[in-house]
Structures are given as C-alpha cells and as structure tokens.
C-alpha cells in the first residue's frame, strides 16, 4: 500500500475496501526438447 503523506506515522488505523477483478490472458508457447542438454533453454520470442 502506497500512501502519499508528509511523514511516516507510528500509530495509524486504516480500513480499505475494494473490488478486485480478475482478467484472463495467455501467452502461446511451444518447445522442442533438447537432447544432451535438455535442462538448458534457448528462447525465441515475440509479442
């Protein structure tokens, strides 16, 4: 929580109520497993 204020406060009591909306997104990803070094990765990407 960011609060714009002149200084920090040693004593405070704040209640915040909010609606939180979830939105779905997805990358698209495929792989070609390696042979001798399958746990080392080379990535080709674009958006």
ModelCIF file with pLDDT and N, C-alpha, C, O atoms, coordinates in Angstrom:
data_MODEL
#
_entry.id   MODEL 
#
_entity.id                         1 
_entity.type                       polymer 
_entity.pdbx_number_of_molecules   1 
#
_entity_poly.entity_id                      1 
_entity_poly.type                           'polypeptide(L)' 
_entity_poly.nstd_linkage                   no 
_entity_poly.nstd_monomer                   no 
_entity_poly.pdbx_seq_one_letter_code       
;(UNK)(UNK)(UNK)(UNK)(UNK)(UNK)(UNK)(UNK)(UNK)(UNK)(UNK)(UNK)(UNK)(UNK)(UNK)(UNK)
(UNK)(UNK)(UNK)(UNK)(UNK)(UNK)(UNK)(UNK)(UNK)(UNK)(UNK)(UNK)(UNK)(UNK)(UNK)(UNK)
(UNK)(UNK)(UNK)(UNK)(UNK)(UNK)(UNK)(UNK)(UNK)(UNK)(UNK)(UNK)(UNK)(UNK)(UNK)
;
_entity_poly.pdbx_seq_one_letter_code_can   XXXXXXXXXXXXXXXXXXXXXXXXXXXXXXXXXXXXXXXXXXXXXXX 
_entity_poly.pdbx_strand_id                 A 
#
loop_
_entity_poly_seq.entity_id 
_entity_poly_seq.num 
_entity_poly_seq.mon_id 
_entity_poly_seq.hetero 
1 1  UNK n 
1 2  UNK n 
1 3  UNK n 
1 4  UNK n 
1 5  UNK n 
1 6  UNK n 
1 7  UNK n 
1 8  UNK n 
1 9  UNK n 
1 10 UNK n 
1 11 UNK n 
1 12 UNK n 
1 13 UNK n 
1 14 UNK n 
1 15 UNK n 
1 16 UNK n 
1 17 UNK n 
1 18 UNK n 
1 19 UNK n 
1 20 UNK n 
1 21 UNK n 
1 22 UNK n 
1 23 UNK n 
1 24 UNK n 
1 25 UNK n 
1 26 UNK n 
1 27 UNK n 
1 28 UNK n 
1 29 UNK n 
1 30 UNK n 
1 31 UNK n 
1 32 UNK n 
1 33 UNK n 
1 34 UNK n 
1 35 UNK n 
1 36 UNK n 
1 37 UNK n 
1 38 UNK n 
1 39 UNK n 
1 40 UNK n 
1 41 UNK n 
1 42 UNK n 
1 43 UNK n 
1 44 UNK n 
1 45 UNK n 
1 46 UNK n 
1 47 UNK n 
#
_struct_asym.id          A 
_struct_asym.entity_id   1 
#
loop_
_ma_qa_metric.id 
_ma_qa_metric.mode 
_ma_qa_metric.name 
_ma_qa_metric.software_group_id 
_ma_qa_metric.type 
1 global pLDDT . pLDDT 
2 local  pLDDT . pLDDT 
#
_ma_qa_metric_global.metric_id      1 
_ma_qa_metric_global.metric_value   96.57 
_ma_qa_metric_global.model_id       1 
_ma_qa_metric_global.ordinal_id     1 
#
loop_
_ma_qa_metric_local.label_asym_id 
_ma_qa_metric_local.label_comp_id 
_ma_qa_metric_local.label_seq_id 
_ma_qa_metric_local.metric_id 
_ma_qa_metric_local.metric_value 
_ma_qa_metric_local.model_id 
_ma_qa_metric_local.ordinal_id 
A UNK 1  2 97.00 1 1  
A UNK 2  2 97.00 1 2  
A UNK 3  2 96.00 1 3  
A UNK 4  2 96.00 1 4  
A UNK 5  2 95.00 1 5  
A UNK 6  2 93.00 1 6  
A UNK 7  2 94.00 1 7  
A UNK 8  2 94.00 1 8  
A UNK 9  2 93.00 1 9  
A UNK 10 2 92.00 1 10 
A UNK 11 2 93.00 1 11 
A UNK 12 2 95.00 1 12 
A UNK 13 2 96.00 1 13 
A UNK 14 2 97.00 1 14 
A UNK 15 2 98.00 1 15 
A UNK 16 2 98.00 1 16 
A UNK 17 2 98.00 1 17 
A UNK 18 2 97.00 1 18 
A UNK 19 2 96.00 1 19 
A UNK 20 2 95.00 1 20 
A UNK 21 2 94.00 1 21 
A UNK 22 2 95.00 1 22 
A UNK 23 2 95.00 1 23 
A UNK 24 2 96.00 1 24 
A UNK 25 2 97.00 1 25 
A UNK 26 2 98.00 1 26 
A UNK 27 2 98.00 1 27 
A UNK 28 2 98.00 1 28 
A UNK 29 2 98.00 1 29 
A UNK 30 2 98.00 1 30 
A UNK 31 2 98.00 1 31 
A UNK 32 2 98.00 1 32 
A UNK 33 2 98.00 1 33 
A UNK 34 2 98.00 1 34 
A UNK 35 2 97.00 1 35 
A UNK 36 2 97.00 1 36 
A UNK 37 2 98.00 1 37 
A UNK 38 2 97.00 1 38 
A UNK 39 2 97.00 1 39 
A UNK 40 2 98.00 1 40 
A UNK 41 2 98.00 1 41 
A UNK 42 2 98.00 1 42 
A UNK 43 2 98.00 1 43 
A UNK 44 2 98.00 1 44 
A UNK 45 2 98.00 1 45 
A UNK 46 2 98.00 1 46 
A UNK 47 2 98.00 1 47 
#
loop_
_atom_site.group_PDB 
_atom_site.id 
_atom_site.type_symbol 
_atom_site.label_atom_id 
_atom_site.label_alt_id 
_atom_site.label_comp_id 
_atom_site.label_asym_id 
_atom_site.label_entity_id 
_atom_site.label_seq_id 
_atom_site.pdbx_PDB_ins_code 
_atom_site.Cartn_x 
_atom_site.Cartn_y 
_atom_site.Cartn_z 
_atom_site.occupancy 
_atom_site.B_iso_or_equiv 
_atom_site.pdbx_formal_charge 
_atom_site.auth_seq_id 
_atom_site.auth_comp_id 
_atom_site.auth_asym_id 
_atom_site.auth_atom_id 
_atom_site.pdbx_PDB_model_num 
ATOM 1   N N  . UNK A 1 1  ? 0.852   -1.187  0.000   1.00 97.00 ? 1  UNK A N  1 
ATOM 2   C CA . UNK A 1 1  ? 0.000   0.000   0.000   1.00 97.00 ? 1  UNK A CA 1 
ATOM 3   C C  . UNK A 1 1  ? 0.886   1.235   0.000   1.00 97.00 ? 1  UNK A C  1 
ATOM 4   O O  . UNK A 1 1  ? 1.666   1.450   0.928   1.00 97.00 ? 1  UNK A O  1 
ATOM 5   N N  . UNK A 1 2  ? 0.762   2.053   -1.055  1.00 97.00 ? 2  UNK A N  1 
ATOM 6   C CA . UNK A 1 2  ? 1.461   3.332   -1.107  1.00 97.00 ? 2  UNK A CA 1 
ATOM 7   C C  . UNK A 1 2  ? 0.520   4.412   -0.576  1.00 97.00 ? 2  UNK A C  1 
ATOM 8   O O  . UNK A 1 2  ? -0.655  4.461   -0.939  1.00 97.00 ? 2  UNK A O  1 
ATOM 9   N N  . UNK A 1 3  ? 1.049   5.268   0.281   1.00 96.00 ? 3  UNK A N  1 
ATOM 10  C CA . UNK A 1 3  ? 0.260   6.381   0.810   1.00 96.00 ? 3  UNK A CA 1 
ATOM 11  C C  . UNK A 1 3  ? 1.076   7.661   0.721   1.00 96.00 ? 3  UNK A C  1 
ATOM 12  O O  . UNK A 1 3  ? 2.189   7.732   1.242   1.00 96.00 ? 3  UNK A O  1 
ATOM 13  N N  . UNK A 1 4  ? 0.531   8.656   0.070   1.00 96.00 ? 4  UNK A N  1 
ATOM 14  C CA . UNK A 1 4  ? 1.210   9.939   -0.062  1.00 96.00 ? 4  UNK A CA 1 
ATOM 15  C C  . UNK A 1 4  ? 0.961   10.747  1.211   1.00 96.00 ? 4  UNK A C  1 
ATOM 16  O O  . UNK A 1 4  ? -0.179  11.079  1.537   1.00 96.00 ? 4  UNK A O  1 
ATOM 17  N N  . UNK A 1 5  ? 2.038   11.055  1.920   1.00 95.00 ? 5  UNK A N  1 
ATOM 18  C CA . UNK A 1 5  ? 1.921   11.766  3.200   1.00 95.00 ? 5  UNK A CA 1 
ATOM 19  C C  . UNK A 1 5  ? 3.227   12.511  3.489   1.00 95.00 ? 5  UNK A C  1 
ATOM 20  O O  . UNK A 1 5  ? 4.279   12.193  2.936   1.00 95.00 ? 5  UNK A O  1 
ATOM 21  N N  . UNK A 1 6  ? 3.130   13.501  4.363   1.00 93.00 ? 6  UNK A N  1 
ATOM 22  C CA . UNK A 1 6  ? 4.299   14.323  4.670   1.00 93.00 ? 6  UNK A CA 1 
ATOM 23  C C  . UNK A 1 6  ? 5.358   13.558  5.450   1.00 93.00 ? 6  UNK A C  1 
ATOM 24  O O  . UNK A 1 6  ? 6.547   13.867  5.362   1.00 93.00 ? 6  UNK A O  1 
ATOM 25  N N  . UNK A 1 7  ? 4.921   12.552  6.222   1.00 94.00 ? 7  UNK A N  1 
ATOM 26  C CA . UNK A 1 7  ? 5.867   11.774  7.024   1.00 94.00 ? 7  UNK A CA 1 
ATOM 27  C C  . UNK A 1 7  ? 5.230   10.457  7.435   1.00 94.00 ? 7  UNK A C  1 
ATOM 28  O O  . UNK A 1 7  ? 4.018   10.272  7.326   1.00 94.00 ? 7  UNK A O  1 
ATOM 29  N N  . UNK A 1 8  ? 6.067   9.551   7.908   1.00 94.00 ? 8  UNK A N  1 
ATOM 30  C CA . UNK A 1 8  ? 5.567   8.279   8.411   1.00 94.00 ? 8  UNK A CA 1 
ATOM 31  C C  . UNK A 1 8  ? 4.822   8.492   9.719   1.00 94.00 ? 8  UNK A C  1 
ATOM 32  O O  . UNK A 1 8  ? 5.069   9.462   10.435  1.00 94.00 ? 8  UNK A O  1 
ATOM 33  N N  . UNK A 1 9  ? 3.920   7.586   10.021  1.00 93.00 ? 9  UNK A N  1 
ATOM 34  C CA . UNK A 1 9  ? 3.123   7.700   11.234  1.00 93.00 ? 9  UNK A CA 1 
ATOM 35  C C  . UNK A 1 9  ? 3.316   6.468   12.103  1.00 93.00 ? 9  UNK A C  1 
ATOM 36  O O  . UNK A 1 9  ? 3.105   5.352   11.628  1.00 93.00 ? 9  UNK A O  1 
ATOM 37  N N  . UNK A 1 10 ? 3.713   6.634   13.370  1.00 92.00 ? 10 UNK A N  1 
ATOM 38  C CA . UNK A 1 10 ? 3.935   5.474   14.237  1.00 92.00 ? 10 UNK A CA 1 
ATOM 39  C C  . UNK A 1 10 ? 2.639   4.781   14.639  1.00 92.00 ? 10 UNK A C  1 
ATOM 40  O O  . UNK A 1 10 ? 2.641   3.592   14.954  1.00 92.00 ? 10 UNK A O  1 
ATOM 41  N N  . UNK A 1 11 ? 1.549   5.510   14.628  1.00 93.00 ? 11 UNK A N  1 
ATOM 42  C CA . UNK A 1 11 ? 0.258   4.945   15.012  1.00 93.00 ? 11 UNK A CA 1 
ATOM 43  C C  . UNK A 1 11 ? -0.759  5.289   13.914  1.00 93.00 ? 11 UNK A C  1 
ATOM 44  O O  . UNK A 1 11 ? -0.869  6.438   13.487  1.00 93.00 ? 11 UNK A O  1 
ATOM 45  N N  . UNK A 1 12 ? -1.488  4.275   13.475  1.00 95.00 ? 12 UNK A N  1 
ATOM 46  C CA . UNK A 1 12 ? -2.465  4.514   12.413  1.00 95.00 ? 12 UNK A CA 1 
ATOM 47  C C  . UNK A 1 12 ? -3.495  3.392   12.441  1.00 95.00 ? 12 UNK A C  1 
ATOM 48  O O  . UNK A 1 12 ? -3.270  2.328   13.017  1.00 95.00 ? 12 UNK A O  1 
ATOM 49  N N  . UNK A 1 13 ? -4.617  3.658   11.810  1.00 96.00 ? 13 UNK A N  1 
ATOM 50  C CA . UNK A 1 13 ? -5.696  2.672   11.724  1.00 96.00 ? 13 UNK A CA 1 
ATOM 51  C C  . UNK A 1 13 ? -6.483  2.977   10.450  1.00 96.00 ? 13 UNK A C  1 
ATOM 52  O O  . UNK A 1 13 ? -7.260  3.931   10.404  1.00 96.00 ? 13 UNK A O  1 
ATOM 53  N N  . UNK A 1 14 ? -6.272  2.146   9.403   1.00 97.00 ? 14 UNK A N  1 
ATOM 54  C CA . UNK A 1 14 ? -6.890  2.401   8.101   1.00 97.00 ? 14 UNK A CA 1 
ATOM 55  C C  . UNK A 1 14 ? -7.609  1.134   7.632   1.00 97.00 ? 14 UNK A C  1 
ATOM 56  O O  . UNK A 1 14 ? -7.055  0.038   7.716   1.00 97.00 ? 14 UNK A O  1 
ATOM 57  N N  . UNK A 1 15 ? -8.824  1.282   7.145   1.00 98.00 ? 15 UNK A N  1 
ATOM 58  C CA . UNK A 1 15 ? -9.545  0.176   6.533   1.00 98.00 ? 15 UNK A CA 1 
ATOM 59  C C  . UNK A 1 15 ? -9.826  0.514   5.073   1.00 98.00 ? 15 UNK A C  1 
ATOM 60  O O  . UNK A 1 15 ? -10.364 1.575   4.756   1.00 98.00 ? 15 UNK A O  1 
ATOM 61  N N  . UNK A 1 16 ? -9.455  -0.401  4.202   1.00 98.00 ? 16 UNK A N  1 
ATOM 62  C CA . UNK A 1 16 ? -9.644  -0.207  2.756   1.00 98.00 ? 16 UNK A CA 1 
ATOM 63  C C  . UNK A 1 16 ? -10.526 -1.333  2.239   1.00 98.00 ? 16 UNK A C  1 
ATOM 64  O O  . UNK A 1 16 ? -10.230 -2.511  2.440   1.00 98.00 ? 16 UNK A O  1 
ATOM 65  N N  . UNK A 1 17 ? -11.613 -0.958  1.569   1.00 98.00 ? 17 UNK A N  1 
ATOM 66  C CA . UNK A 1 17 ? -12.462 -1.943  0.915   1.00 98.00 ? 17 UNK A CA 1 
ATOM 67  C C  . UNK A 1 17 ? -12.374 -1.736  -0.591  1.00 98.00 ? 17 UNK A C  1 
ATOM 68  O O  . UNK A 1 17 ? -12.463 -0.610  -1.081  1.00 98.00 ? 17 UNK A O  1 
ATOM 69  N N  . UNK A 1 18 ? -12.197 -2.840  -1.320  1.00 97.00 ? 18 UNK A N  1 
ATOM 70  C CA . UNK A 1 18 ? -12.037 -2.718  -2.762  1.00 97.00 ? 18 UNK A CA 1 
ATOM 71  C C  . UNK A 1 18 ? -12.662 -3.907  -3.490  1.00 97.00 ? 18 UNK A C  1 
ATOM 72  O O  . UNK A 1 18 ? -12.808 -4.993  -2.929  1.00 97.00 ? 18 UNK A O  1 
ATOM 73  N N  . UNK A 1 19 ? -13.022 -3.678  -4.735  1.00 96.00 ? 19 UNK A N  1 
ATOM 74  C CA . UNK A 1 19 ? -13.409 -4.751  -5.631  1.00 96.00 ? 19 UNK A CA 1 
ATOM 75  C C  . UNK A 1 19 ? -12.177 -5.137  -6.442  1.00 96.00 ? 19 UNK A C  1 
ATOM 76  O O  . UNK A 1 19 ? -11.470 -4.270  -6.956  1.00 96.00 ? 19 UNK A O  1 
ATOM 77  N N  . UNK A 1 20 ? -11.924 -6.427  -6.555  1.00 95.00 ? 20 UNK A N  1 
ATOM 78  C CA . UNK A 1 20 ? -10.773 -6.911  -7.322  1.00 95.00 ? 20 UNK A CA 1 
ATOM 79  C C  . UNK A 1 20 ? -11.284 -7.769  -8.471  1.00 95.00 ? 20 UNK A C  1 
ATOM 80  O O  . UNK A 1 20 ? -11.905 -8.811  -8.261  1.00 95.00 ? 20 UNK A O  1 
ATOM 81  N N  . UNK A 1 21 ? -11.017 -7.319  -9.663  1.00 94.00 ? 21 UNK A N  1 
ATOM 82  C CA . UNK A 1 21 ? -11.491 -8.003  -10.870 1.00 94.00 ? 21 UNK A CA 1 
ATOM 83  C C  . UNK A 1 21 ? -10.342 -8.801  -11.478 1.00 94.00 ? 21 UNK A C  1 
ATOM 84  O O  . UNK A 1 21 ? -9.256  -8.263  -11.693 1.00 94.00 ? 21 UNK A O  1 
ATOM 85  N N  . UNK A 1 22 ? -10.579 -10.083 -11.755 1.00 95.00 ? 22 UNK A N  1 
ATOM 86  C CA . UNK A 1 22 ? -9.577  -10.937 -12.394 1.00 95.00 ? 22 UNK A CA 1 
ATOM 87  C C  . UNK A 1 22 ? -9.837  -10.981 -13.895 1.00 95.00 ? 22 UNK A C  1 
ATOM 88  O O  . UNK A 1 22 ? -10.972 -11.181 -14.329 1.00 95.00 ? 22 UNK A O  1 
ATOM 89  N N  . UNK A 1 23 ? -8.787  -10.795 -14.680 1.00 95.00 ? 23 UNK A N  1 
ATOM 90  C CA . UNK A 1 23 ? -8.884  -10.846 -16.135 1.00 95.00 ? 23 UNK A CA 1 
ATOM 91  C C  . UNK A 1 23 ? -7.912  -11.900 -16.657 1.00 95.00 ? 23 UNK A C  1 
ATOM 92  O O  . UNK A 1 23 ? -6.782  -12.013 -16.182 1.00 95.00 ? 23 UNK A O  1 
ATOM 93  N N  . UNK A 1 24 ? -8.369  -12.667 -17.639 1.00 96.00 ? 24 UNK A N  1 
ATOM 94  C CA . UNK A 1 24 ? -7.574  -13.790 -18.148 1.00 96.00 ? 24 UNK A CA 1 
ATOM 95  C C  . UNK A 1 24 ? -6.762  -13.372 -19.378 1.00 96.00 ? 24 UNK A C  1 
ATOM 96  O O  . UNK A 1 24 ? -7.262  -12.689 -20.271 1.00 96.00 ? 24 UNK A O  1 
ATOM 97  N N  . UNK A 1 25 ? -5.511  -13.797 -19.399 1.00 97.00 ? 25 UNK A N  1 
ATOM 98  C CA . UNK A 1 25 ? -4.612  -13.586 -20.521 1.00 97.00 ? 25 UNK A CA 1 
ATOM 99  C C  . UNK A 1 25 ? -3.903  -14.909 -20.827 1.00 97.00 ? 25 UNK A C  1 
ATOM 100 O O  . UNK A 1 25 ? -3.979  -15.859 -20.048 1.00 97.00 ? 25 UNK A O  1 
ATOM 101 N N  . UNK A 1 26 ? -3.219  -14.954 -21.960 1.00 98.00 ? 26 UNK A N  1 
ATOM 102 C CA . UNK A 1 26 ? -2.471  -16.176 -22.281 1.00 98.00 ? 26 UNK A CA 1 
ATOM 103 C C  . UNK A 1 26 ? -1.351  -15.877 -23.267 1.00 98.00 ? 26 UNK A C  1 
ATOM 104 O O  . UNK A 1 26 ? -1.567  -15.235 -24.295 1.00 98.00 ? 26 UNK A O  1 
ATOM 105 N N  . UNK A 1 27 ? -0.148  -16.352 -22.938 1.00 98.00 ? 27 UNK A N  1 
ATOM 106 C CA . UNK A 1 27 ? 0.912   -16.466 -23.928 1.00 98.00 ? 27 UNK A CA 1 
ATOM 107 C C  . UNK A 1 27 ? 0.647   -17.725 -24.747 1.00 98.00 ? 27 UNK A C  1 
ATOM 108 O O  . UNK A 1 27 ? -0.178  -18.555 -24.364 1.00 98.00 ? 27 UNK A O  1 
ATOM 109 N N  . UNK A 1 28 ? 1.338   -17.867 -25.862 1.00 98.00 ? 28 UNK A N  1 
ATOM 110 C CA . UNK A 1 28 ? 1.288   -19.110 -26.629 1.00 98.00 ? 28 UNK A CA 1 
ATOM 111 C C  . UNK A 1 28 ? 2.717   -19.627 -26.730 1.00 98.00 ? 28 UNK A C  1 
ATOM 112 O O  . UNK A 1 28 ? 3.594   -18.953 -27.270 1.00 98.00 ? 28 UNK A O  1 
ATOM 113 N N  . UNK A 1 29 ? 2.948   -20.847 -26.198 1.00 98.00 ? 29 UNK A N  1 
ATOM 114 C CA . UNK A 1 29 ? 4.320   -21.345 -26.012 1.00 98.00 ? 29 UNK A CA 1 
ATOM 115 C C  . UNK A 1 29 ? 4.407   -22.804 -26.456 1.00 98.00 ? 29 UNK A C  1 
ATOM 116 O O  . UNK A 1 29 ? 3.539   -23.616 -26.139 1.00 98.00 ? 29 UNK A O  1 
ATOM 117 N N  . UNK A 1 30 ? 5.461   -23.118 -27.189 1.00 98.00 ? 30 UNK A N  1 
ATOM 118 C CA . UNK A 1 30 ? 5.769   -24.498 -27.562 1.00 98.00 ? 30 UNK A CA 1 
ATOM 119 C C  . UNK A 1 30 ? 7.261   -24.744 -27.425 1.00 98.00 ? 30 UNK A C  1 
ATOM 120 O O  . UNK A 1 30 ? 8.053   -23.803 -27.399 1.00 98.00 ? 30 UNK A O  1 
ATOM 121 N N  . UNK A 1 31 ? 7.642   -26.017 -27.337 1.00 98.00 ? 31 UNK A N  1 
ATOM 122 C CA . UNK A 1 31 ? 9.056   -26.338 -27.129 1.00 98.00 ? 31 UNK A CA 1 
ATOM 123 C C  . UNK A 1 31 ? 9.501   -27.482 -28.038 1.00 98.00 ? 31 UNK A C  1 
ATOM 124 O O  . UNK A 1 31 ? 8.695   -28.285 -28.509 1.00 98.00 ? 31 UNK A O  1 
ATOM 125 N N  . UNK A 1 32 ? 10.814  -27.525 -28.263 1.00 98.00 ? 32 UNK A N  1 
ATOM 126 C CA . UNK A 1 32 ? 11.474  -28.687 -28.851 1.00 98.00 ? 32 UNK A CA 1 
ATOM 127 C C  . UNK A 1 32 ? 12.476  -29.168 -27.805 1.00 98.00 ? 32 UNK A C  1 
ATOM 128 O O  . UNK A 1 32 ? 13.502  -28.518 -27.607 1.00 98.00 ? 32 UNK A O  1 
ATOM 129 N N  . UNK A 1 33 ? 12.209  -30.289 -27.131 1.00 98.00 ? 33 UNK A N  1 
ATOM 130 C CA . UNK A 1 33 ? 13.121  -30.756 -26.085 1.00 98.00 ? 33 UNK A CA 1 
ATOM 131 C C  . UNK A 1 33 ? 14.523  -30.998 -26.635 1.00 98.00 ? 33 UNK A C  1 
ATOM 132 O O  . UNK A 1 33 ? 14.702  -31.483 -27.752 1.00 98.00 ? 33 UNK A O  1 
ATOM 133 N N  . UNK A 1 34 ? 15.511  -30.644 -25.811 1.00 98.00 ? 34 UNK A N  1 
ATOM 134 C CA . UNK A 1 34 ? 16.884  -30.855 -26.208 1.00 98.00 ? 34 UNK A CA 1 
ATOM 135 C C  . UNK A 1 34 ? 17.317  -32.300 -26.027 1.00 98.00 ? 34 UNK A C  1 
ATOM 136 O O  . UNK A 1 34 ? 16.606  -33.102 -25.423 1.00 98.00 ? 34 UNK A O  1 
ATOM 137 N N  . UNK A 1 35 ? 18.471  -32.617 -26.545 1.00 97.00 ? 35 UNK A N  1 
ATOM 138 C CA . UNK A 1 35 ? 18.997  -33.977 -26.459 1.00 97.00 ? 35 UNK A CA 1 
ATOM 139 C C  . UNK A 1 35 ? 19.910  -34.112 -25.235 1.00 97.00 ? 35 UNK A C  1 
ATOM 140 O O  . UNK A 1 35 ? 19.472  -34.625 -24.205 1.00 97.00 ? 35 UNK A O  1 
ATOM 141 N N  . UNK A 1 36 ? 21.142  -33.672 -25.322 1.00 97.00 ? 36 UNK A N  1 
ATOM 142 C CA . UNK A 1 36 ? 22.091  -33.871 -24.221 1.00 97.00 ? 36 UNK A CA 1 
ATOM 143 C C  . UNK A 1 36 ? 21.992  -32.795 -23.142 1.00 97.00 ? 36 UNK A C  1 
ATOM 144 O O  . UNK A 1 36 ? 22.482  -32.990 -22.030 1.00 97.00 ? 36 UNK A O  1 
ATOM 145 N N  . UNK A 1 37 ? 21.358  -31.651 -23.462 1.00 98.00 ? 37 UNK A N  1 
ATOM 146 C CA . UNK A 1 37 ? 21.275  -30.542 -22.505 1.00 98.00 ? 37 UNK A CA 1 
ATOM 147 C C  . UNK A 1 37 ? 19.833  -30.044 -22.416 1.00 98.00 ? 37 UNK A C  1 
ATOM 148 O O  . UNK A 1 37 ? 19.552  -28.861 -22.611 1.00 98.00 ? 37 UNK A O  1 
ATOM 149 N N  . UNK A 1 38 ? 18.935  -30.970 -22.121 1.00 97.00 ? 38 UNK A N  1 
ATOM 150 C CA . UNK A 1 38 ? 17.512  -30.643 -22.165 1.00 97.00 ? 38 UNK A CA 1 
ATOM 151 C C  . UNK A 1 38 ? 17.084  -29.674 -21.068 1.00 97.00 ? 38 UNK A C  1 
ATOM 152 O O  . UNK A 1 38 ? 16.022  -29.059 -21.172 1.00 97.00 ? 38 UNK A O  1 
ATOM 153 N N  . UNK A 1 39 ? 17.893  -29.528 -20.018 1.00 97.00 ? 39 UNK A N  1 
ATOM 154 C CA . UNK A 1 39 ? 17.548  -28.606 -18.932 1.00 97.00 ? 39 UNK A CA 1 
ATOM 155 C C  . UNK A 1 39 ? 18.208  -27.240 -19.105 1.00 97.00 ? 39 UNK A C  1 
ATOM 156 O O  . UNK A 1 39 ? 18.207  -26.421 -18.186 1.00 97.00 ? 39 UNK A O  1 
ATOM 157 N N  . UNK A 1 40 ? 18.769  -27.002 -20.286 1.00 98.00 ? 40 UNK A N  1 
ATOM 158 C CA . UNK A 1 40 ? 19.274  -25.687 -20.654 1.00 98.00 ? 40 UNK A CA 1 
ATOM 159 C C  . UNK A 1 40 ? 18.398  -25.165 -21.784 1.00 98.00 ? 40 UNK A C  1 
ATOM 160 O O  . UNK A 1 40 ? 18.083  -25.895 -22.724 1.00 98.00 ? 40 UNK A O  1 
ATOM 161 N N  . UNK A 1 41 ? 18.003  -23.885 -21.689 1.00 98.00 ? 41 UNK A N  1 
ATOM 162 C CA . UNK A 1 41 ? 16.979  -23.372 -22.593 1.00 98.00 ? 41 UNK A CA 1 
ATOM 163 C C  . UNK A 1 41 ? 17.498  -22.218 -23.454 1.00 98.00 ? 41 UNK A C  1 
ATOM 164 O O  . UNK A 1 41 ? 18.269  -21.370 -23.003 1.00 98.00 ? 41 UNK A O  1 
ATOM 165 N N  . UNK A 1 42 ? 17.043  -22.221 -24.711 1.00 98.00 ? 42 UNK A N  1 
ATOM 166 C CA . UNK A 1 42 ? 17.240  -21.097 -25.620 1.00 98.00 ? 42 UNK A CA 1 
ATOM 167 C C  . UNK A 1 42 ? 15.849  -20.652 -26.063 1.00 98.00 ? 42 UNK A C  1 
ATOM 168 O O  . UNK A 1 42 ? 15.052  -21.464 -26.532 1.00 98.00 ? 42 UNK A O  1 
ATOM 169 N N  . UNK A 1 43 ? 15.563  -19.372 -25.915 1.00 98.00 ? 43 UNK A N  1 
ATOM 170 C CA . UNK A 1 43 ? 14.213  -18.858 -26.148 1.00 98.00 ? 43 UNK A CA 1 
ATOM 171 C C  . UNK A 1 43 ? 14.183  -17.963 -27.387 1.00 98.00 ? 43 UNK A C  1 
ATOM 172 O O  . UNK A 1 43 ? 15.028  -17.083 -27.558 1.00 98.00 ? 43 UNK A O  1 
ATOM 173 N N  . UNK A 1 44 ? 13.187  -18.209 -28.249 1.00 98.00 ? 44 UNK A N  1 
ATOM 174 C CA . UNK A 1 44 ? 12.862  -17.300 -29.344 1.00 98.00 ? 44 UNK A CA 1 
ATOM 175 C C  . UNK A 1 44 ? 11.482  -16.723 -29.042 1.00 98.00 ? 44 UNK A C  1 
ATOM 176 O O  . UNK A 1 44 ? 10.544  -17.473 -28.773 1.00 98.00 ? 44 UNK A O  1 
ATOM 177 N N  . UNK A 1 45 ? 11.354  -15.426 -29.084 1.00 98.00 ? 45 UNK A N  1 
ATOM 178 C CA . UNK A 1 45 ? 10.092  -14.816 -28.666 1.00 98.00 ? 45 UNK A CA 1 
ATOM 179 C C  . UNK A 1 45 ? 9.736   -13.589 -29.482 1.00 98.00 ? 45 UNK A C  1 
ATOM 180 O O  . UNK A 1 45 ? 10.582  -12.978 -30.135 1.00 98.00 ? 45 UNK A O  1 
ATOM 181 N N  . UNK A 1 46 ? 8.459   -13.247 -29.423 1.00 98.00 ? 46 UNK A N  1 
ATOM 182 C CA . UNK A 1 46 ? 7.920   -12.013 -29.969 1.00 98.00 ? 46 UNK A CA 1 
ATOM 183 C C  . UNK A 1 46 ? 6.550   -11.814 -29.345 1.00 98.00 ? 46 UNK A C  1 
ATOM 184 O O  . UNK A 1 46 ? 5.983   -12.764 -28.806 1.00 98.00 ? 46 UNK A O  1 
ATOM 185 N N  . UNK A 1 47 ? 6.005   -10.615 -29.401 1.00 98.00 ? 47 UNK A N  1 
ATOM 186 C CA . UNK A 1 47 ? 4.665   -10.432 -28.811 1.00 98.00 ? 47 UNK A CA 1 
ATOM 187 C C  . UNK A 1 47 ? 3.616   -10.388 -29.916 1.00 98.00 ? 47 UNK A C  1 
ATOM 188 O O  . UNK A 1 47 ? 2.427   -10.240 -29.633 1.00 98.00 ? 47 UNK A O  1 
#
